[in-house]
N, C-alpha and C. Protein backbone atom coordinates (compact mmCIF):
# COMPACT_ATOMS: atom_id res chain seq x y z
N MET A 1 -9.62 -16.57 0.26
CA MET A 1 -8.68 -17.41 -0.62
C MET A 1 -7.40 -16.79 -0.25
N VAL A 2 -7.24 -15.70 0.39
CA VAL A 2 -6.18 -14.48 0.64
C VAL A 2 -5.79 -15.17 1.92
N VAL A 3 -6.98 -15.23 2.94
CA VAL A 3 -6.31 -15.20 4.72
C VAL A 3 -5.94 -16.57 4.11
N VAL A 4 -6.24 -17.16 3.73
CA VAL A 4 -5.88 -19.02 3.71
C VAL A 4 -4.54 -19.12 3.49
N VAL A 5 -4.55 -18.59 2.61
CA VAL A 5 -2.76 -18.42 1.82
C VAL A 5 -1.82 -17.64 3.34
N GLY A 6 -2.27 -16.36 3.87
CA GLY A 6 -1.71 -16.03 4.98
C GLY A 6 -1.54 -16.65 5.58
N ALA A 7 -3.05 -17.29 6.44
CA ALA A 7 -2.60 -17.91 7.00
C ALA A 7 -1.47 -19.43 7.37
N LEU A 8 -1.61 -19.93 6.46
CA LEU A 8 -0.61 -21.11 5.58
C LEU A 8 0.58 -20.62 6.02
N ALA A 9 1.07 -19.44 5.31
CA ALA A 9 2.23 -19.06 5.47
C ALA A 9 2.76 -18.74 6.96
N THR A 10 2.02 -18.22 7.96
CA THR A 10 2.12 -17.96 9.23
C THR A 10 2.31 -19.53 9.98
N VAL A 11 1.81 -20.68 9.68
CA VAL A 11 1.46 -21.32 10.11
C VAL A 11 2.88 -22.01 9.83
N ALA A 12 3.41 -21.88 9.09
CA ALA A 12 5.11 -22.48 7.97
C ALA A 12 5.47 -21.90 8.67
N ALA A 13 5.53 -20.21 9.08
CA ALA A 13 6.69 -19.98 10.06
C ALA A 13 6.71 -20.06 11.03
N VAL A 14 5.95 -20.13 11.71
CA VAL A 14 5.81 -21.45 13.28
C VAL A 14 6.08 -21.75 13.22
N ILE A 15 6.29 -22.73 12.33
CA ILE A 15 6.80 -24.29 12.90
C ILE A 15 8.15 -24.22 12.06
N ALA A 16 8.53 -23.25 11.47
CA ALA A 16 9.94 -22.94 11.50
C ALA A 16 10.60 -22.84 12.33
N PHE A 17 9.91 -21.51 13.53
CA PHE A 17 11.01 -21.44 13.98
C PHE A 17 11.05 -21.84 15.51
N ARG A 18 9.97 -22.82 15.55
CA ARG A 18 10.18 -23.78 16.79
C ARG A 18 10.98 -24.79 16.45
N SER A 19 11.00 -24.84 15.38
CA SER A 19 12.14 -26.53 15.54
C SER A 19 13.39 -25.92 14.76
N ARG A 20 13.86 -24.57 15.22
CA ARG A 20 14.74 -23.66 15.26
C ARG A 20 15.42 -23.78 14.03
N ALA A 21 14.96 -23.97 12.90
CA ALA A 21 15.10 -23.65 11.11
C ALA A 21 14.68 -21.95 11.05
N VAL A 22 15.79 -20.73 11.11
CA VAL A 22 15.75 -19.49 11.68
C VAL A 22 15.64 -18.88 9.89
N VAL A 23 16.67 -19.42 9.90
CA VAL A 23 16.94 -18.99 7.81
C VAL A 23 15.42 -19.55 6.76
N SER A 24 14.89 -20.56 7.68
CA SER A 24 13.82 -20.78 6.62
C SER A 24 12.95 -20.69 6.93
N ALA A 25 12.46 -20.53 8.24
CA ALA A 25 11.15 -19.33 8.73
C ALA A 25 11.30 -17.86 7.77
N TYR A 26 12.26 -17.33 7.33
CA TYR A 26 12.17 -16.01 6.55
C TYR A 26 11.46 -16.21 5.43
N SER A 27 11.12 -16.85 4.80
CA SER A 27 10.41 -16.88 3.17
C SER A 27 8.80 -16.98 3.80
N PRO A 28 8.44 -17.90 4.73
CA PRO A 28 6.65 -17.50 5.43
C PRO A 28 6.62 -16.47 5.89
N CYS A 29 7.72 -15.54 6.64
CA CYS A 29 7.03 -14.61 7.40
C CYS A 29 6.76 -13.55 5.82
N PHE A 30 8.04 -13.52 5.51
CA PHE A 30 7.55 -12.79 4.02
C PHE A 30 6.35 -12.66 3.66
N MET A 31 5.95 -14.05 3.14
CA MET A 31 4.71 -13.77 2.45
C MET A 31 3.74 -13.17 3.19
N ALA A 32 3.28 -13.74 4.37
CA ALA A 32 2.39 -13.54 5.30
C ALA A 32 2.48 -11.90 5.81
N ALA A 33 3.49 -11.12 5.43
CA ALA A 33 3.77 -9.68 5.79
C ALA A 33 3.20 -9.13 4.30
N VAL A 34 3.42 -9.90 3.45
CA VAL A 34 2.62 -9.28 1.85
C VAL A 34 1.59 -9.54 2.16
N VAL A 35 0.66 -10.49 2.28
CA VAL A 35 -0.07 -10.82 2.11
C VAL A 35 -1.09 -9.89 3.35
N ALA A 36 -0.64 -9.75 4.78
CA ALA A 36 -0.90 -8.60 4.97
C ALA A 36 -1.68 -7.76 4.68
N VAL A 37 -0.13 -6.65 3.52
CA VAL A 37 -0.27 -5.73 3.44
C VAL A 37 -1.54 -6.02 1.97
N GLY A 38 -1.34 -6.96 1.37
CA GLY A 38 -2.80 -6.77 0.52
C GLY A 38 -4.22 -6.45 0.94
N ILE A 39 -4.06 -7.24 1.79
CA ILE A 39 -5.44 -7.18 2.43
C ILE A 39 -5.98 -5.73 2.96
N ALA A 40 -4.67 -4.92 3.73
CA ALA A 40 -4.92 -4.04 4.15
C ALA A 40 -5.53 -2.80 2.54
N ALA A 41 -3.94 -3.29 1.63
CA ALA A 41 -4.34 -2.00 0.22
C ALA A 41 -6.32 -2.23 0.54
N GLY A 42 -6.09 -3.35 -0.01
CA GLY A 42 -7.45 -3.67 -0.64
C GLY A 42 -8.41 -3.47 -0.49
N ALA A 43 -8.79 -3.13 1.60
CA ALA A 43 -9.57 -2.75 2.23
C ALA A 43 -9.62 -1.46 2.38
N THR A 44 -8.72 -0.49 2.06
CA THR A 44 -8.78 0.53 2.06
C THR A 44 -9.08 1.25 0.88
N ALA A 45 -8.80 0.15 -0.54
CA ALA A 45 -9.57 1.05 -1.80
C ALA A 45 -11.03 0.46 -2.11
N GLN A 46 -11.24 -0.15 -1.38
CA GLN A 46 -12.85 -0.59 -1.26
C GLN A 46 -13.46 0.31 -0.17
N ARG A 47 -12.92 0.52 0.44
CA ARG A 47 -13.51 1.62 1.50
C ARG A 47 -13.46 2.78 0.66
N TYR A 48 -12.13 3.59 -0.16
CA TYR A 48 -12.65 4.44 -1.01
C TYR A 48 -13.67 4.49 -1.69
N GLU A 49 -13.83 3.57 -3.11
CA GLU A 49 -14.60 3.13 -3.92
C GLU A 49 -16.53 3.20 -3.25
N ASP A 50 -16.50 2.52 -1.82
CA ASP A 50 -17.61 2.49 -0.97
C ASP A 50 -18.36 3.62 -0.20
N ARG A 51 -17.20 4.93 -0.09
CA ARG A 51 -18.12 5.83 0.69
C ARG A 51 -18.78 6.30 -0.88
N PRO A 52 -19.83 7.74 0.60
CA PRO A 52 -20.94 7.71 -0.44
C PRO A 52 -20.61 9.41 -0.58
N GLY A 53 -21.17 10.10 -1.58
CA GLY A 53 -21.41 11.44 -2.09
C GLY A 53 -19.94 11.69 -3.18
N ARG A 54 -20.16 10.75 -3.85
CA ARG A 54 -18.67 10.25 -4.90
C ARG A 54 -20.23 10.81 -6.02
N PRO A 55 -19.71 11.43 -7.20
CA PRO A 55 -20.36 12.06 -8.09
C PRO A 55 -20.88 10.66 -9.20
N ALA A 56 -21.40 10.55 -9.88
CA ALA A 56 -21.83 9.81 -10.91
C ALA A 56 -20.36 10.39 -11.44
N PRO A 57 -19.99 9.58 -12.85
CA PRO A 57 -19.41 9.67 -13.63
C PRO A 57 -20.20 10.34 -15.05
N ALA A 58 -20.18 11.64 -15.73
CA ALA A 58 -20.29 12.37 -16.55
C ALA A 58 -20.79 11.29 -17.81
N VAL A 59 -21.74 11.25 -18.57
CA VAL A 59 -21.90 10.39 -19.74
C VAL A 59 -21.46 11.70 -21.20
N THR A 60 -20.43 10.59 -21.82
CA THR A 60 -20.22 11.89 -22.96
C THR A 60 -20.19 11.33 -24.07
N GLY A 61 -21.12 11.99 -25.46
CA GLY A 61 -21.01 12.06 -26.36
C GLY A 61 -22.38 10.71 -26.39
N GLU A 62 -22.06 9.42 -27.35
CA GLU A 62 -23.59 9.15 -27.62
C GLU A 62 -23.51 7.70 -27.01
N ALA A 63 -23.09 7.77 -25.90
CA ALA A 63 -22.64 6.55 -24.86
C ALA A 63 -23.61 5.44 -25.03
N GLY A 64 -25.14 5.80 -25.48
CA GLY A 64 -26.54 4.93 -25.05
C GLY A 64 -26.44 4.51 -26.66
N CYS A 65 -26.09 4.50 -27.13
CA CYS A 65 -26.67 4.12 -28.58
C CYS A 65 -26.33 2.60 -28.67
N ARG A 66 -27.37 1.74 -29.56
CA ARG A 66 -27.30 0.08 -29.37
C ARG A 66 -26.80 0.02 -30.63
N SER A 67 -26.84 0.81 -31.56
CA SER A 67 -25.93 0.53 -33.06
C SER A 67 -26.33 1.41 -33.53
N GLY A 68 -26.10 1.36 -35.50
CA GLY A 68 -25.77 2.53 -36.28
C GLY A 68 -26.84 3.36 -36.63
N GLY A 69 -28.10 2.97 -36.30
CA GLY A 69 -29.18 3.77 -36.56
C GLY A 69 -29.34 5.10 -36.24
N ASP A 70 -30.57 5.44 -36.58
CA ASP A 70 -30.91 7.20 -36.34
C ASP A 70 -31.12 7.34 -34.34
N SER A 71 -30.79 8.64 -34.55
CA SER A 71 -30.80 9.31 -32.88
C SER A 71 -32.31 8.61 -32.55
N GLY A 72 -33.21 7.92 -32.42
CA GLY A 72 -33.80 7.51 -32.09
C GLY A 72 -33.76 5.97 -30.85
N GLU A 73 -32.98 5.39 -31.68
CA GLU A 73 -32.00 4.11 -31.05
C GLU A 73 -31.67 4.47 -29.97
N CYS A 74 -31.08 5.61 -29.79
CA CYS A 74 -29.72 6.18 -28.29
C CYS A 74 -30.77 6.17 -27.05
N ALA A 75 -30.38 5.64 -26.44
CA ALA A 75 -31.16 5.46 -24.94
C ALA A 75 -30.47 7.23 -24.10
N ASP A 76 -29.89 7.35 -24.42
CA ASP A 76 -29.37 9.10 -23.40
C ASP A 76 -30.08 10.21 -23.92
N THR A 77 -30.59 10.06 -25.01
CA THR A 77 -32.12 11.07 -25.62
C THR A 77 -33.49 10.93 -25.50
N GLY A 78 -33.62 9.77 -25.16
CA GLY A 78 -34.75 8.99 -24.41
C GLY A 78 -35.35 8.69 -25.55
N GLY A 79 -35.27 8.32 -26.82
CA GLY A 79 -36.11 7.50 -27.92
C GLY A 79 -35.85 6.51 -28.09
């Protein structure tokens, strides 16, 4: 979806430049640049999340308990 918006903004900018409406072309150019930066930032963040060797988050407290019953209902204790 983001790529489509960026492509439409680029097409609008090209049309505006070809019709010599330079001032009107600034807005789609800015939108295309914002979309490109957003795609690059998203790809960088995803690459950071997907890299191997990241430790799993530590389990603190009784995170596995499903109800307020006894300790036999807690998943992290094996009961």
